[in-house]
N, C-alpha and C. Protein backbone atom coordinates (compact mmCIF):
# COMPACT_ATOMS: atom_id res chain seq x y z
N UNK A 1 147.53 107.52 102.25
CA UNK A 1 147.14 108.72 102.95
C UNK A 1 146.27 108.48 104.12
N UNK A 2 146.51 109.15 105.28
CA UNK A 2 145.68 108.80 106.44
C UNK A 2 144.36 109.51 106.33
N UNK A 3 143.34 108.85 106.77
CA UNK A 3 141.99 109.50 106.66
C UNK A 3 141.93 110.66 107.70
N UNK A 4 141.58 111.80 107.18
CA UNK A 4 141.42 112.91 108.11
C UNK A 4 139.96 113.33 108.22
N UNK A 5 139.72 114.43 108.87
CA UNK A 5 138.40 115.00 109.09
C UNK A 5 137.86 115.29 107.68
N UNK A 6 136.65 114.77 107.55
CA UNK A 6 135.94 115.06 106.24
C UNK A 6 136.36 114.14 105.07
N UNK A 7 137.37 113.20 105.33
CA UNK A 7 137.79 112.32 104.20
C UNK A 7 136.69 111.23 104.10
N UNK A 8 136.37 110.93 102.86
CA UNK A 8 135.42 109.90 102.59
C UNK A 8 136.08 108.82 101.62
N UNK A 9 136.23 107.54 102.07
CA UNK A 9 136.76 106.59 101.19
C UNK A 9 136.07 106.50 99.87
N UNK A 10 136.94 106.27 98.69
CA UNK A 10 136.27 106.13 97.49
C UNK A 10 135.17 105.13 97.45
N UNK A 11 135.31 103.99 98.01
CA UNK A 11 134.29 102.97 98.03
C UNK A 11 132.96 103.45 98.55
N UNK A 12 133.02 104.25 99.62
CA UNK A 12 131.82 104.80 100.31
C UNK A 12 131.14 105.70 99.34
N UNK A 13 131.93 106.57 98.70
CA UNK A 13 131.33 107.65 97.81
C UNK A 13 130.67 106.89 96.62
N UNK A 14 131.32 105.80 96.11
CA UNK A 14 130.85 105.14 94.93
C UNK A 14 129.45 104.37 95.33
N UNK A 15 129.56 103.70 96.48
CA UNK A 15 128.36 103.05 96.94
C UNK A 15 127.12 103.95 97.09
N UNK A 16 127.40 105.11 97.73
CA UNK A 16 126.32 106.16 97.84
C UNK A 16 125.75 106.63 96.58
N UNK A 17 126.66 106.92 95.62
CA UNK A 17 126.34 107.50 94.34
C UNK A 17 125.47 106.44 93.57
N UNK A 18 125.96 105.26 93.50
CA UNK A 18 125.17 104.17 92.76
C UNK A 18 123.86 103.90 93.39
N UNK A 19 123.93 103.77 94.69
CA UNK A 19 122.66 103.48 95.40
C UNK A 19 121.61 104.59 95.12
N UNK A 20 122.04 105.81 95.28
CA UNK A 20 121.11 107.01 95.06
C UNK A 20 120.54 106.88 93.65
N UNK A 21 121.47 106.65 92.71
CA UNK A 21 121.07 106.64 91.29
C UNK A 21 119.95 105.53 91.05
N UNK A 22 120.14 104.36 91.76
CA UNK A 22 119.14 103.28 91.49
C UNK A 22 117.87 103.66 92.27
N UNK A 23 117.89 104.13 93.50
CA UNK A 23 116.75 104.44 94.19
C UNK A 23 115.92 105.58 93.63
N UNK A 24 116.63 106.53 93.03
CA UNK A 24 116.04 107.74 92.41
C UNK A 24 115.52 107.43 91.00
N UNK A 25 115.87 106.30 90.38
CA UNK A 25 115.44 105.98 89.06
C UNK A 25 116.36 106.48 88.05
N UNK A 26 117.54 107.00 88.33
CA UNK A 26 118.46 107.50 87.36
C UNK A 26 119.03 106.27 86.61
N UNK A 27 119.26 105.17 87.28
CA UNK A 27 119.68 103.93 86.70
C UNK A 27 118.48 102.98 86.78
N UNK A 28 117.64 102.78 85.80
CA UNK A 28 116.44 102.08 85.91
C UNK A 28 116.67 100.52 85.91
N UNK A 29 115.69 99.74 86.37
CA UNK A 29 115.86 98.26 86.37
C UNK A 29 116.43 97.76 85.01
N UNK A 30 117.31 96.80 85.13
CA UNK A 30 117.88 96.10 83.94
C UNK A 30 119.13 96.90 83.40
N UNK A 31 119.36 98.06 83.94
CA UNK A 31 120.57 98.90 83.48
C UNK A 31 121.87 98.07 83.74
N UNK A 32 122.74 98.12 82.75
CA UNK A 32 124.06 97.42 82.90
C UNK A 32 124.98 98.24 83.68
N UNK A 33 125.65 97.60 84.62
CA UNK A 33 126.64 98.31 85.44
C UNK A 33 128.01 97.66 85.17
N UNK A 34 128.81 98.24 84.29
CA UNK A 34 130.08 97.67 83.93
C UNK A 34 131.19 98.40 84.66
N UNK A 35 132.03 97.56 85.29
CA UNK A 35 133.13 98.06 86.18
C UNK A 35 133.90 99.08 85.49
N UNK A 36 134.39 98.84 84.25
CA UNK A 36 135.29 99.75 83.49
C UNK A 36 134.59 101.11 83.19
N UNK A 37 133.32 100.94 82.79
CA UNK A 37 132.57 102.14 82.33
C UNK A 37 132.33 103.01 83.63
N UNK A 38 131.93 102.43 84.73
CA UNK A 38 131.65 103.11 85.94
C UNK A 38 132.91 103.83 86.54
N UNK A 39 134.06 103.11 86.46
CA UNK A 39 135.20 103.75 86.97
C UNK A 39 135.61 104.93 86.19
N UNK A 40 135.42 104.93 84.84
CA UNK A 40 135.70 106.15 84.07
C UNK A 40 134.71 107.22 84.33
N UNK A 41 133.44 106.94 84.50
CA UNK A 41 132.43 107.85 84.78
C UNK A 41 132.60 108.51 86.23
N UNK A 42 132.99 107.81 87.17
CA UNK A 42 133.05 108.37 88.49
C UNK A 42 134.56 108.76 88.86
N UNK A 43 135.39 108.56 87.94
CA UNK A 43 136.79 108.93 88.23
C UNK A 43 137.49 108.23 89.27
N UNK A 44 137.31 106.92 89.35
CA UNK A 44 137.97 106.10 90.37
C UNK A 44 138.53 104.81 89.62
N UNK A 45 139.31 104.04 90.43
CA UNK A 45 139.70 102.82 89.83
C UNK A 45 138.66 101.77 89.89
N UNK A 46 138.87 100.63 89.35
CA UNK A 46 137.88 99.62 89.31
C UNK A 46 137.63 98.95 90.58
N UNK A 47 138.59 99.04 91.57
CA UNK A 47 138.44 98.36 92.91
C UNK A 47 137.33 98.84 93.63
N UNK A 48 137.12 100.23 93.93
CA UNK A 48 135.92 100.55 94.67
C UNK A 48 134.57 100.37 93.97
N UNK A 49 134.65 100.30 92.57
CA UNK A 49 133.40 100.03 91.90
C UNK A 49 132.98 98.57 92.08
N UNK A 50 134.08 97.63 92.08
CA UNK A 50 133.74 96.29 92.39
C UNK A 50 133.20 96.10 93.74
N UNK A 51 133.83 96.74 94.67
CA UNK A 51 133.35 96.66 96.03
C UNK A 51 131.93 97.23 96.21
N UNK A 52 131.66 98.30 95.56
CA UNK A 52 130.33 98.83 95.54
C UNK A 52 129.16 97.97 94.97
N UNK A 53 129.54 97.32 93.83
CA UNK A 53 128.63 96.43 93.19
C UNK A 53 128.33 95.17 94.12
N UNK A 54 129.36 94.67 94.85
CA UNK A 54 129.18 93.62 95.76
C UNK A 54 128.27 94.01 96.93
N UNK A 55 128.51 95.27 97.49
CA UNK A 55 127.67 95.77 98.56
C UNK A 55 126.27 95.93 98.11
N UNK A 56 125.98 96.49 96.96
CA UNK A 56 124.62 96.75 96.46
C UNK A 56 124.00 95.43 96.15
N UNK A 57 124.67 94.43 95.72
CA UNK A 57 124.02 93.05 95.60
C UNK A 57 123.65 92.49 96.86
N UNK A 58 124.47 92.69 97.95
CA UNK A 58 124.04 92.23 99.25
C UNK A 58 122.84 93.03 99.74
N UNK A 59 122.64 94.23 99.34
CA UNK A 59 121.48 95.04 99.81
C UNK A 59 120.24 94.71 99.01
N UNK A 60 120.46 93.94 97.84
CA UNK A 60 119.28 93.49 97.07
C UNK A 60 118.91 94.50 96.01
N UNK A 61 119.77 95.40 95.64
CA UNK A 61 119.56 96.31 94.56
C UNK A 61 120.16 96.03 93.27
N UNK A 62 121.20 95.09 93.26
CA UNK A 62 121.94 94.73 92.11
C UNK A 62 122.11 93.26 91.98
N UNK A 63 122.05 92.77 90.73
CA UNK A 63 122.26 91.34 90.41
C UNK A 63 123.66 91.24 89.74
N UNK A 64 124.51 90.47 90.29
CA UNK A 64 125.82 90.36 89.75
C UNK A 64 125.83 89.36 88.55
N UNK A 65 126.65 89.63 87.59
CA UNK A 65 126.79 88.85 86.44
C UNK A 65 128.28 88.32 86.38
N UNK A 66 128.52 87.27 85.50
CA UNK A 66 129.87 86.83 85.50
C UNK A 66 130.90 87.84 85.08
N UNK A 67 132.16 87.78 85.61
CA UNK A 67 133.24 88.59 85.28
C UNK A 67 133.15 89.98 85.88
N UNK A 68 132.93 91.05 85.17
CA UNK A 68 133.12 92.38 85.60
C UNK A 68 131.91 93.31 85.48
N UNK A 69 130.78 92.80 85.56
CA UNK A 69 129.55 93.68 85.34
C UNK A 69 128.30 93.12 86.13
N UNK A 70 127.35 93.97 86.22
CA UNK A 70 126.10 93.59 86.94
C UNK A 70 124.98 94.36 86.29
N UNK A 71 123.76 94.06 86.88
CA UNK A 71 122.58 94.87 86.35
C UNK A 71 121.83 95.35 87.52
N UNK A 72 121.15 96.46 87.33
CA UNK A 72 120.20 96.93 88.44
C UNK A 72 119.06 95.91 88.49
N UNK A 73 118.74 95.54 89.63
CA UNK A 73 117.78 94.47 89.86
C UNK A 73 116.43 94.82 89.32
N UNK A 74 115.78 93.86 88.65
CA UNK A 74 114.36 94.13 88.27
C UNK A 74 113.54 93.28 89.26
N UNK A 75 112.84 94.03 90.00
CA UNK A 75 111.93 93.39 91.00
C UNK A 75 110.75 92.88 90.35
N UNK A 76 110.46 91.55 90.60
CA UNK A 76 109.28 90.93 90.04
C UNK A 76 107.97 91.28 90.92
N UNK A 77 106.82 90.90 90.29
CA UNK A 77 105.64 91.16 91.00
C UNK A 77 105.65 90.35 92.27
N UNK A 78 106.25 89.22 92.30
CA UNK A 78 106.36 88.40 93.57
C UNK A 78 107.32 89.18 94.58
N UNK A 79 108.34 89.69 94.10
CA UNK A 79 109.31 90.40 94.96
C UNK A 79 108.60 91.51 95.69
N UNK A 80 107.83 92.36 94.89
CA UNK A 80 107.10 93.46 95.35
C UNK A 80 106.00 93.02 96.37
N UNK A 81 105.38 91.99 96.13
CA UNK A 81 104.38 91.43 97.07
C UNK A 81 104.97 91.01 98.25
N UNK A 82 106.22 90.29 98.31
CA UNK A 82 106.94 90.00 99.51
C UNK A 82 107.30 91.26 100.30
N UNK A 83 107.77 92.25 99.61
CA UNK A 83 108.25 93.45 100.21
C UNK A 83 107.02 94.18 100.96
N UNK A 84 105.91 94.18 100.27
CA UNK A 84 104.68 94.81 100.83
C UNK A 84 104.23 94.01 102.05
N UNK A 85 104.29 92.80 102.11
CA UNK A 85 103.98 92.00 103.26
C UNK A 85 104.97 92.26 104.47
N UNK A 86 106.21 92.26 104.21
CA UNK A 86 107.17 92.56 105.27
C UNK A 86 107.02 94.01 105.71
N UNK A 87 106.73 94.95 104.78
CA UNK A 87 106.63 96.34 105.21
C UNK A 87 105.34 96.42 106.17
N UNK A 88 104.29 95.72 105.85
CA UNK A 88 103.07 95.85 106.68
C UNK A 88 103.36 95.31 108.06
N UNK A 89 104.04 94.29 108.22
CA UNK A 89 104.30 93.74 109.61
C UNK A 89 105.31 94.65 110.33
N UNK A 90 106.20 95.08 109.60
CA UNK A 90 107.37 95.87 110.22
C UNK A 90 106.81 97.24 110.70
N UNK A 91 105.96 97.91 109.92
CA UNK A 91 105.52 99.28 110.30
C UNK A 91 104.39 99.21 111.25
N UNK A 92 103.69 98.13 111.36
CA UNK A 92 102.63 98.06 112.32
C UNK A 92 103.22 98.13 113.72
N UNK A 93 104.48 97.50 113.92
CA UNK A 93 105.17 97.48 115.17
C UNK A 93 105.85 98.89 115.29
N UNK A 94 106.57 99.31 114.30
CA UNK A 94 107.30 100.56 114.35
C UNK A 94 106.53 101.74 114.86
N UNK A 95 105.48 102.05 114.18
CA UNK A 95 104.80 103.31 114.47
C UNK A 95 103.95 103.11 115.80
N UNK A 96 103.59 102.00 116.25
CA UNK A 96 102.98 101.82 117.57
C UNK A 96 103.95 102.10 118.71
N UNK A 97 105.20 101.60 118.49
CA UNK A 97 106.15 101.79 119.43
C UNK A 97 106.62 103.19 119.47
N UNK A 98 106.77 103.83 118.31
CA UNK A 98 107.20 105.28 118.28
C UNK A 98 106.08 106.12 118.92
N UNK A 99 104.85 105.85 118.82
CA UNK A 99 103.82 106.57 119.50
C UNK A 99 103.96 106.50 121.02
N UNK A 100 104.31 105.25 121.45
CA UNK A 100 104.44 105.02 122.98
C UNK A 100 105.79 105.66 123.52
N UNK A 101 106.82 105.57 122.71
CA UNK A 101 108.22 105.81 123.30
C UNK A 101 108.93 107.11 122.90
N UNK A 102 108.41 107.83 121.95
CA UNK A 102 109.13 108.94 121.42
C UNK A 102 109.35 109.89 122.52
N UNK A 103 110.51 110.64 122.36
CA UNK A 103 110.79 111.82 123.29
C UNK A 103 110.76 113.09 122.39
N UNK A 104 111.02 114.25 123.02
CA UNK A 104 110.90 115.53 122.32
C UNK A 104 111.80 115.57 121.07
N UNK A 105 113.04 115.15 121.28
CA UNK A 105 114.03 115.19 120.23
C UNK A 105 113.61 114.27 119.04
N UNK A 106 113.12 113.09 119.30
CA UNK A 106 112.70 112.18 118.29
C UNK A 106 111.56 112.76 117.57
N UNK A 107 110.61 113.36 118.26
CA UNK A 107 109.49 113.95 117.59
C UNK A 107 109.89 115.18 116.70
N UNK A 108 110.92 115.87 117.18
CA UNK A 108 111.40 117.01 116.29
C UNK A 108 112.01 116.52 115.03
N UNK A 109 112.79 115.39 115.12
CA UNK A 109 113.32 114.83 113.98
C UNK A 109 112.23 114.30 113.00
N UNK A 110 111.20 113.63 113.55
CA UNK A 110 110.14 113.22 112.60
C UNK A 110 109.38 114.28 112.05
N UNK A 111 109.21 115.44 112.77
CA UNK A 111 108.55 116.64 112.14
C UNK A 111 109.43 117.16 111.08
N UNK A 112 110.79 117.30 111.20
CA UNK A 112 111.65 117.85 110.18
C UNK A 112 111.56 116.99 108.90
N UNK A 113 111.50 115.67 109.04
CA UNK A 113 111.29 114.81 107.86
C UNK A 113 110.00 115.11 107.14
N UNK A 114 108.96 115.32 108.01
CA UNK A 114 107.60 115.57 107.36
C UNK A 114 107.64 116.87 106.71
N UNK A 115 108.15 117.90 107.33
CA UNK A 115 108.14 119.26 106.81
C UNK A 115 108.99 119.27 105.33
N UNK A 116 110.12 118.53 105.43
CA UNK A 116 110.85 118.43 104.13
C UNK A 116 109.99 117.65 103.03
N UNK A 117 109.30 116.67 103.35
CA UNK A 117 108.48 116.03 102.50
C UNK A 117 107.35 116.86 101.95
N UNK A 118 106.67 117.61 102.76
CA UNK A 118 105.56 118.48 102.47
C UNK A 118 106.02 119.52 101.50
N UNK A 119 107.23 120.20 101.82
CA UNK A 119 107.72 121.22 100.90
C UNK A 119 108.11 120.61 99.56
N UNK A 120 108.65 119.43 99.46
CA UNK A 120 109.07 118.84 98.16
C UNK A 120 107.81 118.49 97.40
N UNK A 121 106.77 117.93 98.04
CA UNK A 121 105.60 117.57 97.42
C UNK A 121 104.86 118.72 96.85
N UNK A 122 104.83 119.77 97.57
CA UNK A 122 104.19 121.00 97.14
C UNK A 122 104.87 121.65 95.89
N UNK A 123 106.22 121.31 95.87
CA UNK A 123 107.02 121.98 94.72
C UNK A 123 106.97 120.95 93.55
N UNK A 124 106.52 119.77 93.76
CA UNK A 124 106.51 118.79 92.71
C UNK A 124 107.83 118.16 92.52
N UNK A 125 108.72 118.22 93.57
CA UNK A 125 110.09 117.62 93.45
C UNK A 125 110.02 116.16 93.84
N UNK A 126 109.86 115.29 92.95
CA UNK A 126 109.67 113.89 93.22
C UNK A 126 110.79 113.21 93.95
N UNK A 127 111.99 113.54 93.48
CA UNK A 127 113.15 112.84 94.16
C UNK A 127 113.24 113.20 95.57
N UNK A 128 113.20 114.60 95.93
CA UNK A 128 113.28 115.01 97.33
C UNK A 128 112.05 114.56 98.17
N UNK A 129 110.98 114.51 97.59
CA UNK A 129 109.81 114.09 98.32
C UNK A 129 109.81 112.64 98.70
N UNK A 130 110.25 111.75 97.77
CA UNK A 130 110.41 110.34 97.98
C UNK A 130 111.47 110.07 99.04
N UNK A 131 112.52 110.80 98.94
CA UNK A 131 113.70 110.61 99.84
C UNK A 131 113.25 111.02 101.26
N UNK A 132 112.50 112.13 101.40
CA UNK A 132 111.99 112.58 102.67
C UNK A 132 110.92 111.55 103.26
N UNK A 133 110.15 111.06 102.40
CA UNK A 133 109.17 110.06 102.77
C UNK A 133 109.85 108.81 103.51
N UNK A 134 110.93 108.43 102.75
CA UNK A 134 111.65 107.27 103.35
C UNK A 134 112.37 107.64 104.62
N UNK A 135 112.94 108.89 104.72
CA UNK A 135 113.51 109.30 105.94
C UNK A 135 112.47 109.27 107.14
N UNK A 136 111.25 109.70 106.83
CA UNK A 136 110.30 109.77 107.80
C UNK A 136 109.99 108.25 108.39
N UNK A 137 109.97 107.30 107.57
CA UNK A 137 109.73 105.99 108.07
C UNK A 137 110.97 105.46 108.80
N UNK A 138 112.21 105.89 108.34
CA UNK A 138 113.49 105.52 109.09
C UNK A 138 113.44 106.08 110.51
N UNK A 139 113.06 107.34 110.53
CA UNK A 139 113.13 108.11 111.78
C UNK A 139 112.10 107.48 112.70
N UNK A 140 110.91 107.04 112.25
CA UNK A 140 110.04 106.37 113.12
C UNK A 140 110.59 105.11 113.66
N UNK A 141 111.36 104.37 112.94
CA UNK A 141 112.03 103.15 113.35
C UNK A 141 112.95 103.58 114.46
N UNK A 142 113.82 104.58 114.27
CA UNK A 142 114.85 104.98 115.17
C UNK A 142 114.23 105.41 116.57
N UNK A 143 113.08 106.05 116.61
CA UNK A 143 112.61 106.57 117.88
C UNK A 143 111.62 105.54 118.51
N UNK A 144 111.44 104.34 117.94
CA UNK A 144 110.62 103.37 118.45
C UNK A 144 111.26 102.71 119.71
N UNK A 145 112.52 102.91 119.94
CA UNK A 145 113.12 102.49 121.19
C UNK A 145 113.45 100.93 121.24
N UNK A 146 113.65 100.28 120.07
CA UNK A 146 113.88 98.86 120.07
C UNK A 146 115.15 98.61 119.16
N UNK A 147 116.19 98.30 119.76
CA UNK A 147 117.47 98.08 119.03
C UNK A 147 117.34 96.98 117.98
N UNK A 148 116.67 95.97 118.28
CA UNK A 148 116.53 94.86 117.23
C UNK A 148 115.73 95.32 116.03
N UNK A 149 114.67 96.18 116.30
CA UNK A 149 113.97 96.70 115.15
C UNK A 149 114.84 97.60 114.24
N UNK A 150 115.70 98.41 114.94
CA UNK A 150 116.64 99.22 114.16
C UNK A 150 117.56 98.33 113.31
N UNK A 151 118.13 97.30 113.95
CA UNK A 151 118.94 96.43 113.22
C UNK A 151 118.29 95.74 112.02
N UNK A 152 117.09 95.30 112.23
CA UNK A 152 116.33 94.67 111.06
C UNK A 152 116.07 95.79 110.08
N UNK A 153 115.84 96.89 110.49
CA UNK A 153 115.57 98.08 109.48
C UNK A 153 116.85 98.35 108.69
N UNK A 154 117.98 98.29 109.23
CA UNK A 154 119.24 98.42 108.48
C UNK A 154 119.44 97.30 107.39
N UNK A 155 119.03 96.18 107.72
CA UNK A 155 119.11 95.00 106.73
C UNK A 155 118.19 95.25 105.59
N UNK A 156 117.02 95.77 105.80
CA UNK A 156 116.00 95.95 104.74
C UNK A 156 116.05 97.38 104.20
N UNK A 157 117.00 98.26 104.68
CA UNK A 157 116.89 99.68 104.32
C UNK A 157 116.83 99.93 102.89
N UNK A 158 117.78 99.45 102.10
CA UNK A 158 117.72 99.81 100.63
C UNK A 158 116.46 99.26 99.95
N UNK A 159 116.09 98.15 100.23
CA UNK A 159 114.83 97.57 99.52
C UNK A 159 113.66 98.29 99.98
N UNK A 160 113.55 98.67 101.31
CA UNK A 160 112.44 99.44 101.64
C UNK A 160 112.39 100.87 101.11
N UNK A 161 113.57 101.45 100.99
CA UNK A 161 113.59 102.80 100.34
C UNK A 161 113.28 102.73 98.91
N UNK A 162 113.68 101.58 98.23
CA UNK A 162 113.26 101.31 96.80
C UNK A 162 111.74 101.22 96.77
N UNK A 163 111.15 100.46 97.64
CA UNK A 163 109.75 100.23 97.68
C UNK A 163 108.97 101.58 97.89
N UNK A 164 109.39 102.32 98.84
CA UNK A 164 108.74 103.63 99.29
C UNK A 164 108.83 104.53 98.19
N UNK A 165 109.70 104.42 97.23
CA UNK A 165 109.79 105.38 96.06
C UNK A 165 109.04 104.99 94.89
N UNK A 166 108.27 103.90 95.01
CA UNK A 166 107.44 103.45 93.89
C UNK A 166 106.01 103.97 93.92
N UNK A 167 105.95 105.41 93.85
CA UNK A 167 104.59 106.06 93.79
C UNK A 167 104.75 107.36 93.11
N UNK A 168 103.65 107.83 92.59
CA UNK A 168 103.63 109.09 91.93
C UNK A 168 102.71 110.10 92.55
N UNK A 169 101.89 109.78 93.58
CA UNK A 169 101.06 110.85 94.18
C UNK A 169 101.82 111.32 95.43
N UNK A 170 102.74 112.30 95.21
CA UNK A 170 103.51 112.88 96.27
C UNK A 170 102.66 113.45 97.36
N UNK A 171 101.67 114.21 97.11
CA UNK A 171 100.82 114.98 97.99
C UNK A 171 100.00 113.98 98.86
N UNK A 172 99.53 112.93 98.24
CA UNK A 172 98.67 112.02 99.10
C UNK A 172 99.50 111.34 100.15
N UNK A 173 100.72 110.81 99.76
CA UNK A 173 101.69 110.15 100.68
C UNK A 173 102.04 111.16 101.83
N UNK A 174 102.39 112.39 101.39
CA UNK A 174 102.74 113.40 102.38
C UNK A 174 101.61 113.75 103.37
N UNK A 175 100.42 113.82 102.87
CA UNK A 175 99.29 114.02 103.73
C UNK A 175 99.01 112.96 104.74
N UNK A 176 99.12 111.73 104.22
CA UNK A 176 99.05 110.51 105.13
C UNK A 176 100.12 110.52 106.21
N UNK A 177 101.32 110.92 105.81
CA UNK A 177 102.39 111.10 106.77
C UNK A 177 102.05 112.17 107.84
N UNK A 178 101.37 113.24 107.44
CA UNK A 178 100.99 114.33 108.37
C UNK A 178 100.03 113.78 109.46
N UNK A 179 99.11 112.95 108.98
CA UNK A 179 98.22 112.42 109.90
C UNK A 179 98.88 111.40 110.85
N UNK A 180 99.79 110.60 110.38
CA UNK A 180 100.56 109.67 111.17
C UNK A 180 101.39 110.42 112.23
N UNK A 181 102.05 111.52 111.73
CA UNK A 181 102.78 112.33 112.71
C UNK A 181 101.93 112.77 113.81
N UNK A 182 100.79 113.34 113.50
CA UNK A 182 99.94 113.88 114.61
C UNK A 182 99.41 112.85 115.57
N UNK A 183 99.12 111.75 115.09
CA UNK A 183 98.76 110.52 115.91
C UNK A 183 99.98 110.09 116.85
N UNK A 184 101.12 110.02 116.23
CA UNK A 184 102.32 109.66 117.02
C UNK A 184 102.59 110.69 118.17
N UNK A 185 102.52 111.94 117.77
CA UNK A 185 102.75 113.07 118.64
C UNK A 185 101.76 113.01 119.77
N UNK A 186 100.54 112.63 119.56
CA UNK A 186 99.47 112.50 120.56
C UNK A 186 99.54 111.28 121.39
N UNK A 187 100.47 110.32 121.03
CA UNK A 187 100.56 109.05 121.63
C UNK A 187 99.13 108.27 121.57
N UNK A 188 98.48 108.49 120.37
CA UNK A 188 97.23 107.80 120.20
C UNK A 188 97.52 106.54 119.44
N UNK A 189 97.88 105.47 120.20
CA UNK A 189 98.27 104.19 119.59
C UNK A 189 97.17 103.51 118.73
N UNK A 190 95.94 103.67 119.26
CA UNK A 190 94.84 103.08 118.40
C UNK A 190 94.71 103.83 117.04
N UNK A 191 94.75 105.16 117.16
CA UNK A 191 94.67 105.89 115.83
C UNK A 191 95.85 105.61 114.92
N UNK A 192 97.10 105.43 115.51
CA UNK A 192 98.23 105.08 114.72
C UNK A 192 97.99 103.78 113.99
N UNK A 193 97.46 102.76 114.66
CA UNK A 193 97.17 101.44 114.07
C UNK A 193 96.27 101.57 112.89
N UNK A 194 95.21 102.44 113.03
CA UNK A 194 94.29 102.64 111.92
C UNK A 194 94.93 103.32 110.76
N UNK A 195 95.79 104.31 111.06
CA UNK A 195 96.43 105.03 109.98
C UNK A 195 97.42 104.28 109.27
N UNK A 196 98.21 103.43 110.03
CA UNK A 196 99.26 102.59 109.37
C UNK A 196 98.56 101.57 108.33
N UNK A 197 97.41 101.01 108.87
CA UNK A 197 96.70 100.11 107.90
C UNK A 197 96.36 100.76 106.71
N UNK A 198 95.83 101.94 106.83
CA UNK A 198 95.25 102.71 105.71
C UNK A 198 96.55 103.14 104.74
N UNK A 199 97.60 103.59 105.36
CA UNK A 199 98.79 103.94 104.64
C UNK A 199 99.47 102.79 103.88
N UNK A 200 99.40 101.63 104.47
CA UNK A 200 99.96 100.46 103.71
C UNK A 200 99.05 100.04 102.61
N UNK A 201 97.77 100.23 102.78
CA UNK A 201 96.79 99.91 101.59
C UNK A 201 97.08 100.90 100.50
N UNK A 202 97.22 102.23 100.88
CA UNK A 202 97.56 103.31 99.81
C UNK A 202 98.83 102.92 99.15
N UNK A 203 99.92 102.52 99.98
CA UNK A 203 101.15 102.23 99.42
C UNK A 203 101.10 101.15 98.45
N UNK A 204 100.36 100.06 98.70
CA UNK A 204 100.34 98.92 97.85
C UNK A 204 99.60 99.29 96.51
N UNK A 205 98.53 100.05 96.63
CA UNK A 205 97.86 100.55 95.40
C UNK A 205 98.71 101.39 94.55
N UNK A 206 99.40 102.36 95.21
CA UNK A 206 100.28 103.38 94.38
C UNK A 206 101.49 102.63 93.78
N UNK A 207 101.96 101.50 94.52
CA UNK A 207 103.00 100.83 93.98
C UNK A 207 102.65 99.98 92.81
N UNK A 208 101.46 99.36 92.85
CA UNK A 208 101.07 98.67 91.62
C UNK A 208 100.67 99.63 90.45
N UNK A 209 100.15 100.76 90.74
CA UNK A 209 99.85 101.73 89.67
C UNK A 209 101.16 102.24 89.12
N UNK A 210 102.15 102.44 89.92
CA UNK A 210 103.40 102.92 89.42
C UNK A 210 104.01 101.91 88.44
N UNK A 211 104.04 100.62 88.94
CA UNK A 211 104.57 99.52 88.13
C UNK A 211 103.91 99.40 86.77
N UNK A 212 102.50 99.50 86.85
CA UNK A 212 101.68 99.35 85.53
C UNK A 212 102.09 100.46 84.64
N UNK A 213 102.20 101.73 85.13
CA UNK A 213 102.56 102.83 84.33
C UNK A 213 103.88 102.69 83.66
N UNK A 214 104.83 102.26 84.39
CA UNK A 214 106.21 101.95 83.91
C UNK A 214 106.23 100.92 82.81
N UNK A 215 105.39 99.80 83.07
CA UNK A 215 105.28 98.78 82.10
C UNK A 215 104.66 99.27 80.76
N UNK A 216 103.64 100.11 80.97
CA UNK A 216 103.01 100.66 79.73
C UNK A 216 103.90 101.63 78.97
N UNK A 217 104.76 102.35 79.65
CA UNK A 217 105.73 103.21 79.05
C UNK A 217 106.80 102.43 78.28
N UNK A 218 107.22 101.36 78.96
CA UNK A 218 108.27 100.42 78.21
C UNK A 218 107.71 99.89 76.93
N UNK A 219 106.36 99.56 77.00
CA UNK A 219 105.72 98.89 75.78
C UNK A 219 105.44 99.90 74.68
N UNK A 220 105.49 101.13 74.96
CA UNK A 220 105.14 102.07 73.83
C UNK A 220 106.30 102.08 72.90
N UNK A 221 105.90 102.17 71.51
CA UNK A 221 106.90 102.18 70.43
C UNK A 221 107.76 103.45 70.44
């Protein structure tokens, strides 16, 4: 069948579904991903499932096992520390450039992401708030006006979205994003630098607290 308007290949649909499930915590770390079972669950053949698992492994979200299965990656403390270091360097550049180079349309998109996050945080909708928070960071990268930065962001996208979802204080993160937005809108580069440093410190603390809480929950009888 020829691909028409609105047609989405099965492999793309399966990749998106599994990626969202992993990032949203529906499939927690260590979960088995068996080709046969996933094909039945998603109503597809095993080929798009196999392709999806290979793609997600390349994105750093899945660890392939021999034969026909995989597991959702379990990020170690070292993995998380590495991601936090990379995030710190990446966002220091991203938000400063966004403050200098944004245009009216870029600022509108950043505001839309912020508003979506604020609404979700106020409603206590953790999945939507975390998704919108990650969108906010990605939009900042897009409006920074540096093609190489965007390219690097695509390489890191899934792992960064995973990292940005490791927090439980939805309102605090949204409020810090509001301050960042205002500084970017004002083209206040110095203020942006201060806020990014504080935001990264907050993110690191919330990520560690989230990990400790999950570990405690797993240890409970």
